Amino acid sequence: MSESSDGHDFGTSTFRQAQFGVRWRPAPASVPVLAGSFPVPAFPSSFDWAADLDLTGEDGSPDALGNLSKPTCVPCAALRMMQLHTADGRKPTEAQADALFKVWGGTEFGAYPDQAFDHWGRHGFAWADQRQIVPRLSVVERDGVATNLALLRTAIYALGGVIGIFRMPRSAMNNFSEWLMPRKGSSDAEDMGHHAVLITGADLAAFRVVSWGMRIQASYPFVLDRLAQAWAFPNAAWARAGTSPSGLTFDQIRALGAKVGE
């Protein structure tokens, strides 16, 4: 069995069918890198914005939004982010994930994150009766650049999560404890592909990840070894009732969307 950090498990044969779905290519040079000196209040050593997020389907089991059988991890991660940001009690559906996947250029091989997120930032997508627009996307980490764990933690706390793109080893498909193990020196030959997840929190030893409708812990060594890109979305929707849960004001978050990389 493969067990998540919140106690749910999938049978091994079922979990092996889980899909990744990132068509890999480097982030375009035109996408700005999130500045390392943006306003954020002091934050706790342990936090997880998705701790109370309802990830279940109608039957009470983890809802993978179709990502167990389809390569739709990119829209699934985006939908979970919108569920977290809007905090209106609505949950995303497999039909929404499928629709976004098509609009964002998905194929049987998955979707390009930069293409998907560019469309998201330009056109938004429907959430309930409103259309959610992302002011401007940026990368916290660009492929080929050593991961800055401090900046990653800060971005997750300030912006209510980031979407991470991981190079995934075959062993991690069968056992979530592999996400807690150091992977330094592992061979690229064992990689099964790239996978998009929503990174929602961290403590002193691991990051908190949402994928396939489950909560998973990913150790710092695993992230250092496997994180290829981390996409940030300075989103004014995260600032509810005047300020965001992290303490940033609506204007501060809008400024992040206008000034990243400058």
C-alpha atoms as a PDB file:
ATOM      1  CA  MET A   1       0.000   0.000   0.000  1.00  0.00           C
ATOM      2  CA  SER A   2       0.959   3.626  -0.536  1.00  0.00           C
ATOM      3  CA  GLU A   3      -0.048   5.788   2.392  1.00  0.00           C
ATOM      4  CA  SER A   4      -0.253   9.573   2.502  1.00  0.00           C
ATOM      5  CA  SER A   5       0.678  11.673   5.505  1.00  0.00           C
ATOM      6  CA  ASP A   6      -3.009  12.127   6.370  1.00  0.00           C
ATOM      7  CA  GLY A   7      -3.592   8.395   6.638  1.00  0.00           C
ATOM      8  CA  HIS A   8      -5.310   7.600   3.341  1.00  0.00           C
ATOM      9  CA  ASP A   9      -3.942   4.895   1.135  1.00  0.00           C
ATOM     10  CA  PHE A  10      -4.297   3.540  -2.362  1.00  0.00           C
ATOM     11  CA  GLY A  11      -3.663  -0.036  -3.380  1.00  0.00           C
ATOM     12  CA  THR A  12      -0.291  -0.359  -5.095  1.00  0.00           C
ATOM     13  CA  SER A  13      -1.805  -1.433  -8.422  1.00  0.00           C
ATOM     14  CA  THR A  14      -4.184   1.553  -8.363  1.00  0.00           C
ATOM     15  CA  PHE A  15      -1.505   4.029  -7.446  1.00  0.00           C
ATOM     16  CA  ARG A  16       0.830   2.820 -10.180  1.00  0.00           C
ATOM     17  CA  GLN A  17      -1.790   4.059 -12.624  1.00  0.00           C
ATOM     18  CA  ALA A  18      -1.519   7.605 -11.228  1.00  0.00           C
ATOM     19  CA  GLN A  19      -0.523  10.057 -13.906  1.00  0.00           C
ATOM     20  CA  PHE A  20       2.092  12.798 -13.900  1.00  0.00           C
ATOM     21  CA  GLY A  21       1.227  14.907 -16.926  1.00  0.00           C
ATOM     22  CA  VAL A  22       3.855  17.658 -17.202  1.00  0.00           C
ATOM     23  CA  ARG A  23       5.272  18.063 -20.688  1.00  0.00           C
ATOM     24  CA  TRP A  24       8.706  19.249 -19.763  1.00  0.00           C
ATOM     25  CA  ARG A  25      10.582  22.250 -21.092  1.00  0.00           C
ATOM     26  CA  PRO A  26      12.504  25.044 -19.356  1.00  0.00           C
ATOM     27  CA  ALA A  27      10.559  28.087 -18.183  1.00  0.00           C
ATOM     28  CA  PRO A  28      10.736  30.844 -20.811  1.00  0.00           C
ATOM     29  CA  ALA A  29      13.236  33.606 -20.117  1.00  0.00           C
ATOM     30  CA  SER A  30      10.362  36.081 -20.424  1.00  0.00           C
ATOM     31  CA  VAL A  31       8.764  34.754 -17.231  1.00  0.00           C
ATOM     32  CA  PRO A  32      10.052  36.901 -14.351  1.00  0.00           C
ATOM     33  CA  VAL A  33      11.702  35.419 -11.287  1.00  0.00           C
ATOM     34  CA  LEU A  34      10.110  36.322  -7.965  1.00  0.00           C
ATOM     35  CA  ALA A  35      12.249  38.907  -6.212  1.00  0.00           C
ATOM     36  CA  GLY A  36      13.935  37.749  -3.023  1.00  0.00           C
ATOM     37  CA  SER A  37      13.068  40.911  -1.081  1.00  0.00           C
ATOM     38  CA  PHE A  38       9.311  41.245  -1.015  1.00  0.00           C
ATOM     39  CA  PRO A  39       7.254  42.293   2.031  1.00  0.00           C
ATOM     40  CA  VAL A  40       6.181  39.438   4.265  1.00  0.00           C
ATOM     41  CA  PRO A  41       5.596  39.372   8.030  1.00  0.00           C
ATOM     42  CA  ALA A  42       7.454  36.980  10.297  1.00  0.00           C
ATOM     43  CA  PHE A  43       5.913  33.542   9.983  1.00  0.00           C
ATOM     44  CA  PRO A  44       5.894  30.401  12.146  1.00  0.00           C
ATOM     45  CA  SER A  45       8.351  27.546  11.714  1.00  0.00           C
ATOM     46  CA  SER A  46       5.457  25.234  10.884  1.00  0.00           C
ATOM     47  CA  PHE A  47       2.431  26.138   8.753  1.00  0.00           C
ATOM     48  CA  ASP A  48       0.120  24.574   6.177  1.00  0.00           C
ATOM     49  CA  TRP A  49      -2.538  26.614   4.392  1.00  0.00           C
ATOM     50  CA  ALA A  50      -4.245  23.424   3.221  1.00  0.00           C
ATOM     51  CA  ALA A  51      -4.517  21.799   6.636  1.00  0.00           C
ATOM     52  CA  ASP A  52      -8.298  22.244   6.642  1.00  0.00           C
ATOM     53  CA  LEU A  53      -8.850  21.984   2.893  1.00  0.00           C
ATOM     54  CA  ASP A  54     -11.491  19.416   1.948  1.00  0.00           C
ATOM     55  CA  LEU A  55      -9.816  17.073  -0.531  1.00  0.00           C
ATOM     56  CA  THR A  56     -12.483  14.363  -0.530  1.00  0.00           C
ATOM     57  CA  GLY A  57     -14.962  13.305  -3.157  1.00  0.00           C
ATOM     58  CA  GLU A  58     -18.624  12.441  -2.700  1.00  0.00           C
ATOM     59  CA  ASP A  59     -17.750   9.033  -1.251  1.00  0.00           C
ATOM     60  CA  GLY A  60     -15.378  10.521   1.329  1.00  0.00           C
ATOM     61  CA  SER A  61     -12.264   9.098  -0.347  1.00  0.00           C
ATOM     62  CA  PRO A  62      -9.389  11.266  -1.616  1.00  0.00           C
ATOM     63  CA  ASP A  63     -10.470  13.002  -4.834  1.00  0.00           C
ATOM     64  CA  ALA A  64      -7.695  12.872  -7.434  1.00  0.00           C
ATOM     65  CA  LEU A  65      -9.822  14.945  -9.861  1.00  0.00           C
ATOM     66  CA  GLY A  66      -9.162  12.304 -12.500  1.00  0.00           C
ATOM     67  CA  ASN A  67      -5.377  12.417 -12.179  1.00  0.00           C
ATOM     68  CA  LEU A  68      -5.179   8.716 -11.323  1.00  0.00           C
ATOM     69  CA  SER A  69      -6.036   7.830 -14.907  1.00  0.00           C
ATOM     70  CA  LYS A  70      -5.386  11.018 -16.900  1.00  0.00           C
ATOM     71  CA  PRO A  71      -2.287  13.250 -17.243  1.00  0.00           C
ATOM     72  CA  THR A  72      -4.076  16.286 -15.805  1.00  0.00           C
ATOM     73  CA  CYS A  73      -1.827  17.197 -12.867  1.00  0.00           C
ATOM     74  CA  VAL A  74      -1.275  20.777 -14.117  1.00  0.00           C
ATOM     75  CA  PRO A  75      -4.943  21.865 -14.020  1.00  0.00           C
ATOM     76  CA  CYS A  76      -5.501  19.760 -10.880  1.00  0.00           C
ATOM     77  CA  ALA A  77      -2.791  21.694  -9.026  1.00  0.00           C
ATOM     78  CA  ALA A  78      -4.240  24.994 -10.279  1.00  0.00           C
ATOM     79  CA  LEU A  79      -7.763  24.051  -9.200  1.00  0.00           C
ATOM     80  CA  ARG A  80      -6.598  23.103  -5.721  1.00  0.00           C
ATOM     81  CA  MET A  81      -4.880  26.489  -5.494  1.00  0.00           C
ATOM     82  CA  MET A  82      -8.127  28.236  -6.422  1.00  0.00           C
ATOM     83  CA  GLN A  83     -10.028  26.129  -3.883  1.00  0.00           C
ATOM     84  CA  LEU A  84      -7.561  27.294  -1.263  1.00  0.00           C
ATOM     85  CA  HIS A  85      -7.565  30.951  -2.345  1.00  0.00           C
ATOM     86  CA  THR A  86     -11.296  31.414  -2.754  1.00  0.00           C
ATOM     87  CA  ALA A  87     -12.172  29.604   0.502  1.00  0.00           C
ATOM     88  CA  ASP A  88     -15.862  29.673  -0.411  1.00  0.00           C
ATOM     89  CA  GLY A  89     -16.613  26.036   0.366  1.00  0.00           C
ATOM     90  CA  ARG A  90     -16.746  24.989  -3.277  1.00  0.00           C
ATOM     91  CA  LYS A  91     -14.644  22.062  -4.441  1.00  0.00           C
ATOM     92  CA  PRO A  92     -13.167  21.545  -7.901  1.00  0.00           C
ATOM     93  CA  THR A  93     -14.411  18.705 -10.054  1.00  0.00           C
ATOM     94  CA  GLU A  94     -12.926  16.266 -12.517  1.00  0.00           C
ATOM     95  CA  ALA A  95     -15.009  17.920 -15.238  1.00  0.00           C
ATOM     96  CA  GLN A  96     -13.367  21.278 -14.475  1.00  0.00           C
ATOM     97  CA  ALA A  97      -9.924  19.693 -14.638  1.00  0.00           C
ATOM     98  CA  ASP A  98     -10.737  18.074 -17.974  1.00  0.00           C
ATOM     99  CA  ALA A  99     -12.069  21.349 -19.417  1.00  0.00           C
ATOM    100  CA  LEU A 100      -9.011  23.327 -18.332  1.00  0.00           C
ATOM    101  CA  PHE A 101      -6.708  20.621 -19.631  1.00  0.00           C
ATOM    102  CA  LYS A 102      -8.255  20.983 -23.080  1.00  0.00           C
ATOM    103  CA  VAL A 103      -8.231  24.792 -23.076  1.00  0.00           C
ATOM    104  CA  TRP A 104      -4.634  24.849 -21.829  1.00  0.00           C
ATOM    105  CA  GLY A 105      -3.422  22.690 -24.701  1.00  0.00           C
ATOM    106  CA  GLY A 106      -3.215  19.337 -22.933  1.00  0.00           C
ATOM    107  CA  THR A 107      -2.561  16.162 -24.914  1.00  0.00           C
ATOM    108  CA  GLU A 108      -2.189  12.489 -24.100  1.00  0.00           C
ATOM    109  CA  PHE A 109       1.327  13.388 -22.962  1.00  0.00           C
ATOM    110  CA  GLY A 110       0.200  16.097 -20.540  1.00  0.00           C
ATOM    111  CA  ALA A 111       0.446  19.905 -20.613  1.00  0.00           C
ATOM    112  CA  TYR A 112       3.237  22.465 -20.739  1.00  0.00           C
ATOM    113  CA  PRO A 113       3.053  24.467 -17.463  1.00  0.00           C
ATOM    114  CA  ASP A 114       4.265  27.713 -19.036  1.00  0.00           C
ATOM    115  CA  GLN A 115       1.615  27.517 -21.771  1.00  0.00           C
ATOM    116  CA  ALA A 116      -1.115  26.598 -19.288  1.00  0.00           C
ATOM    117  CA  PHE A 117      -0.209  29.283 -16.769  1.00  0.00           C
ATOM    118  CA  ASP A 118       0.200  31.962 -19.430  1.00  0.00           C
ATOM    119  CA  HIS A 119      -3.360  31.240 -20.572  1.00  0.00           C
ATOM    120  CA  TRP A 120      -4.523  31.279 -16.950  1.00  0.00           C
ATOM    121  CA  GLY A 121      -2.858  34.639 -16.331  1.00  0.00           C
ATOM    122  CA  ARG A 122      -4.283  36.175 -19.511  1.00  0.00           C
ATOM    123  CA  HIS A 123      -7.802  34.803 -19.444  1.00  0.00           C
ATOM    124  CA  GLY A 124      -8.439  33.389 -15.982  1.00  0.00           C
ATOM    125  CA  PHE A 125     -10.859  30.539 -15.616  1.00  0.00           C
ATOM    126  CA  ALA A 126     -14.377  30.164 -14.325  1.00  0.00           C
ATOM    127  CA  TRP A 127     -14.863  29.462 -10.646  1.00  0.00           C
ATOM    128  CA  ALA A 128     -18.519  29.378  -9.650  1.00  0.00           C
ATOM    129  CA  ASP A 129     -20.145  32.567 -11.023  1.00  0.00           C
ATOM    130  CA  GLN A 130     -16.924  34.580 -11.039  1.00  0.00           C
ATOM    131  CA  ARG A 131     -13.908  34.560 -13.331  1.00  0.00           C
ATOM    132  CA  GLN A 132     -10.635  34.362 -11.434  1.00  0.00           C
ATOM    133  CA  ILE A 133      -7.756  36.305 -13.003  1.00  0.00           C
ATOM    134  CA  VAL A 134      -4.139  35.864 -11.952  1.00  0.00           C
ATOM    135  CA  PRO A 135      -2.430  39.270 -12.244  1.00  0.00           C
ATOM    136  CA  ARG A 136       0.936  37.935 -13.365  1.00  0.00           C
ATOM    137  CA  LEU A 137       2.747  34.658 -12.916  1.00  0.00           C
ATOM    138  CA  SER A 138       6.389  34.246 -11.963  1.00  0.00           C
ATOM    139  CA  VAL A 139       8.827  31.501 -11.088  1.00  0.00           C
ATOM    140  CA  VAL A 140      10.242  31.158  -7.600  1.00  0.00           C
ATOM    141  CA  GLU A 141      12.753  28.673  -8.900  1.00  0.00           C
ATOM    142  CA  ARG A 142      13.914  28.316 -12.477  1.00  0.00           C
ATOM    143  CA  ASP A 143      15.196  24.994 -13.765  1.00  0.00           C
ATOM    144  CA  GLY A 144      18.946  24.676 -13.514  1.00  0.00           C
ATOM    145  CA  VAL A 145      19.133  27.037 -10.531  1.00  0.00           C
ATOM    146  CA  ALA A 146      19.923  25.715  -7.059  1.00  0.00           C
ATOM    147  CA  THR A 147      16.792  25.682  -4.918  1.00  0.00           C
ATOM    148  CA  ASN A 148      16.603  28.468  -2.332  1.00  0.00           C
ATOM    149  CA  LEU A 149      14.609  26.813   0.450  1.00  0.00           C
ATOM    150  CA  ALA A 150      14.228  30.035   2.445  1.00  0.00           C
ATOM    151  CA  LEU A 151      12.759  31.906  -0.538  1.00  0.00           C
ATOM    152  CA  LEU A 152      10.517  28.963  -1.362  1.00  0.00           C
ATOM    153  CA  ARG A 153       9.146  28.848   2.191  1.00  0.00           C
ATOM    154  CA  THR A 154       8.590  32.612   2.165  1.00  0.00           C
ATOM    155  CA  ALA A 155       6.759  32.500  -1.164  1.00  0.00           C
ATOM    156  CA  ILE A 156       4.527  29.651   0.026  1.00  0.00           C
ATOM    157  CA  TYR A 157       3.629  31.550   3.185  1.00  0.00           C
ATOM    158  CA  ALA A 158       3.141  34.938   1.555  1.00  0.00           C
ATOM    159  CA  LEU A 159       1.216  33.779  -1.497  1.00  0.00           C
ATOM    160  CA  GLY A 160      -0.824  30.907  -0.109  1.00  0.00           C
ATOM    161  CA  GLY A 161       1.128  28.179  -1.838  1.00  0.00           C
ATOM    162  CA  VAL A 162       3.081  27.679  -5.052  1.00  0.00           C
ATOM    163  CA  ILE A 163       2.831  25.078  -7.789  1.00  0.00           C
ATOM    164  CA  GLY A 164       5.931  22.895  -7.841  1.00  0.00           C
ATOM    165  CA  ILE A 165       7.142  20.787 -10.754  1.00  0.00           C
ATOM    166  CA  PHE A 166       9.050  17.709  -9.577  1.00  0.00           C
ATOM    167  CA  ARG A 167      11.153  15.142 -11.396  1.00  0.00           C
ATOM    168  CA  MET A 168       9.593  11.975 -10.056  1.00  0.00           C
ATOM    169  CA  PRO A 169      11.461   8.700  -9.417  1.00  0.00           C
ATOM    170  CA  ARG A 170       9.694   5.392  -9.987  1.00  0.00           C
ATOM    171  CA  SER A 171      10.056   4.433  -6.314  1.00  0.00           C
ATOM    172  CA  ALA A 172       7.991   7.427  -5.181  1.00  0.00           C
ATOM    173  CA  MET A 173       5.004   6.079  -7.073  1.00  0.00           C
ATOM    174  CA  ASN A 174       4.759   3.059  -4.788  1.00  0.00           C
ATOM    175  CA  ASN A 175       5.518   4.565  -1.394  1.00  0.00           C
ATOM    176  CA  PHE A 176       4.944   8.100  -0.147  1.00  0.00           C
ATOM    177  CA  SER A 177       7.681   7.607   2.472  1.00  0.00           C
ATOM    178  CA  GLU A 178      10.096   7.964  -0.452  1.00  0.00           C
ATOM    179  CA  TRP A 179       9.172  11.650  -0.542  1.00  0.00           C
ATOM    180  CA  LEU A 180      10.742  11.934   2.906  1.00  0.00           C
ATOM    181  CA  MET A 181      13.997  10.243   1.946  1.00  0.00           C
ATOM    182  CA  PRO A 182      17.165  11.977   0.696  1.00  0.00           C
ATOM    183  CA  ARG A 183      17.499  11.504  -3.033  1.00  0.00           C
ATOM    184  CA  LYS A 184      20.926  13.054  -3.615  1.00  0.00           C
ATOM    185  CA  GLY A 185      22.930  11.201  -6.214  1.00  0.00           C
ATOM    186  CA  SER A 186      19.927   9.345  -7.627  1.00  0.00           C
ATOM    187  CA  SER A 187      20.012   8.574 -11.319  1.00  0.00           C
ATOM    188  CA  ASP A 188      17.862  10.419 -13.838  1.00  0.00           C
ATOM    189  CA  ALA A 189      17.357   7.027 -15.493  1.00  0.00           C
ATOM    190  CA  GLU A 190      14.842   6.075 -12.796  1.00  0.00           C
ATOM    191  CA  ASP A 191      12.676   9.153 -13.402  1.00  0.00           C
ATOM    192  CA  MET A 192       9.174   8.468 -14.687  1.00  0.00           C
ATOM    193  CA  GLY A 193       8.459  12.056 -15.700  1.00  0.00           C
ATOM    194  CA  HIS A 194       7.578  15.452 -14.263  1.00  0.00           C
ATOM    195  CA  HIS A 195       4.633  16.061 -11.960  1.00  0.00           C
ATOM    196  CA  ALA A 196       2.813  19.227 -10.843  1.00  0.00           C
ATOM    197  CA  VAL A 197       1.719  19.569  -7.214  1.00  0.00           C
ATOM    198  CA  LEU A 198       0.476  22.325  -4.937  1.00  0.00           C
ATOM    199  CA  ILE A 199       2.998  23.101  -2.168  1.00  0.00           C
ATOM    200  CA  THR A 200       1.029  24.556   0.727  1.00  0.00           C
ATOM    201  CA  GLY A 201       3.240  24.605   3.813  1.00  0.00           C
ATOM    202  CA  ALA A 202       6.410  23.588   5.579  1.00  0.00           C
ATOM    203  CA  ASP A 203       8.007  22.788   8.913  1.00  0.00           C
ATOM    204  CA  LEU A 204      11.652  22.454   9.891  1.00  0.00           C
ATOM    205  CA  ALA A 205      12.103  19.161   8.032  1.00  0.00           C
ATOM    206  CA  ALA A 206       9.624  18.932   5.151  1.00  0.00           C
ATOM    207  CA  PHE A 207       7.268  20.735   2.815  1.00  0.00           C
ATOM    208  CA  ARG A 208       3.537  20.014   2.684  1.00  0.00           C
ATOM    209  CA  VAL A 209       2.271  18.919  -0.723  1.00  0.00           C
ATOM    210  CA  VAL A 210      -1.211  18.282  -2.124  1.00  0.00           C
ATOM    211  CA  SER A 211      -1.445  15.770  -4.982  1.00  0.00           C
ATOM    212  CA  TRP A 212      -3.929  13.112  -6.122  1.00  0.00           C
ATOM    213  CA  GLY A 213      -6.354  14.387  -3.487  1.00  0.00           C
ATOM    214  CA  MET A 214      -3.942  13.613  -0.653  1.00  0.00           C
ATOM    215  CA  ARG A 215      -1.528  15.401   1.649  1.00  0.00           C
ATOM    216  CA  ILE A 216       2.085  14.298   1.288  1.00  0.00           C
ATOM    217  CA  GLN A 217       5.259  15.384   3.056  1.00  0.00           C
ATOM    218  CA  ALA A 218       8.350  16.048   0.929  1.00  0.00           C
ATOM    219  CA  SER A 219      11.664  16.322   2.780  1.00  0.00           C
ATOM    220  CA  TYR A 220      14.062  19.179   2.151  1.00  0.00           C
ATOM    221  CA  PRO A 221      16.631  16.801   0.575  1.00  0.00           C
ATOM    222  CA  PHE A 222      13.941  15.411  -1.739  1.00  0.00           C
ATOM    223  CA  VAL A 223      12.915  18.936  -2.760  1.00  0.00           C
ATOM    224  CA  LEU A 224      16.514  20.024  -3.266  1.00  0.00           C
ATOM    225  CA  ASP A 225      17.113  17.048  -5.512  1.00  0.00           C
ATOM    226  CA  ARG A 226      13.816  16.903  -7.369  1.00  0.00           C
ATOM    227  CA  LEU A 227      12.283  20.382  -7.642  1.00  0.00           C
ATOM    228  CA  ALA A 228      12.671  21.586 -11.232  1.00  0.00           C
ATOM    229  CA  GLN A 229      10.420  24.656 -11.174  1.00  0.00           C
ATOM    230  CA  ALA A 230       8.183  26.438  -8.685  1.00  0.00           C
ATOM    231  CA  TRP A 231       5.527  28.758 -10.071  1.00  0.00           C
ATOM    232  CA  ALA A 232       4.201  31.662  -8.011  1.00  0.00           C
ATOM    233  CA  PHE A 233       0.875  33.400  -8.545  1.00  0.00           C
ATOM    234  CA  PRO A 234       0.600  36.782  -6.792  1.00  0.00           C
ATOM    235  CA  ASN A 235      -3.157  36.651  -6.555  1.00  0.00           C
ATOM    236  CA  ALA A 236      -5.290  39.401  -5.077  1.00  0.00           C
ATOM    237  CA  ALA A 237      -8.032  36.832  -4.412  1.00  0.00           C
ATOM    238  CA  TRP A 238      -5.877  35.512  -1.563  1.00  0.00           C
ATOM    239  CA  ALA A 239      -6.367  38.856   0.269  1.00  0.00           C
ATOM    240  CA  ARG A 240      -9.783  38.384   1.794  1.00  0.00           C
ATOM    241  CA  ALA A 241     -11.405  40.923   4.134  1.00  0.00           C
ATOM    242  CA  GLY A 242      -8.606  43.436   3.649  1.00  0.00           C
ATOM    243  CA  THR A 243      -5.565  41.251   4.295  1.00  0.00           C
ATOM    244  CA  SER A 244      -4.385  37.792   3.386  1.00  0.00           C
ATOM    245  CA  PRO A 245      -4.009  35.119   6.064  1.00  0.00           C
ATOM    246  CA  SER A 246      -0.255  35.743   5.898  1.00  0.00           C
ATOM    247  CA  GLY A 247      -0.776  39.432   6.734  1.00  0.00           C
ATOM    248  CA  LEU A 248      -0.147  40.935   3.309  1.00  0.00           C
ATOM    249  CA  THR A 249      -2.639  43.562   2.226  1.00  0.00           C
ATOM    250  CA  PHE A 250      -4.545  43.553  -1.039  1.00  0.00           C
ATOM    251  CA  ASP A 251      -2.295  46.336  -2.357  1.00  0.00           C
ATOM    252  CA  GLN A 252       0.895  44.475  -1.367  1.00  0.00           C
ATOM    253  CA  ILE A 253      -0.199  41.347  -3.212  1.00  0.00           C
ATOM    254  CA  ARG A 254      -1.206  43.361  -6.280  1.00  0.00           C
ATOM    255  CA  ALA A 255       2.195  45.038  -6.166  1.00  0.00           C
ATOM    256  CA  LEU A 256       3.852  41.627  -6.220  1.00  0.00           C
ATOM    257  CA  GLY A 257       1.957  40.838  -9.386  1.00  0.00           C
ATOM    258  CA  ALA A 258       3.186  44.058 -10.998  1.00  0.00           C
ATOM    259  CA  LYS A 259       6.781  44.105  -9.795  1.00  0.00           C
ATOM    260  CA  VAL A 260       8.105  40.583  -9.685  1.00  0.00           C
ATOM    261  CA  GLY A 261      11.607  40.348 -11.047  1.00  0.00           C
ATOM    262  CA  GLU A 262      12.103  44.130 -11.187  1.00  0.00           C
END
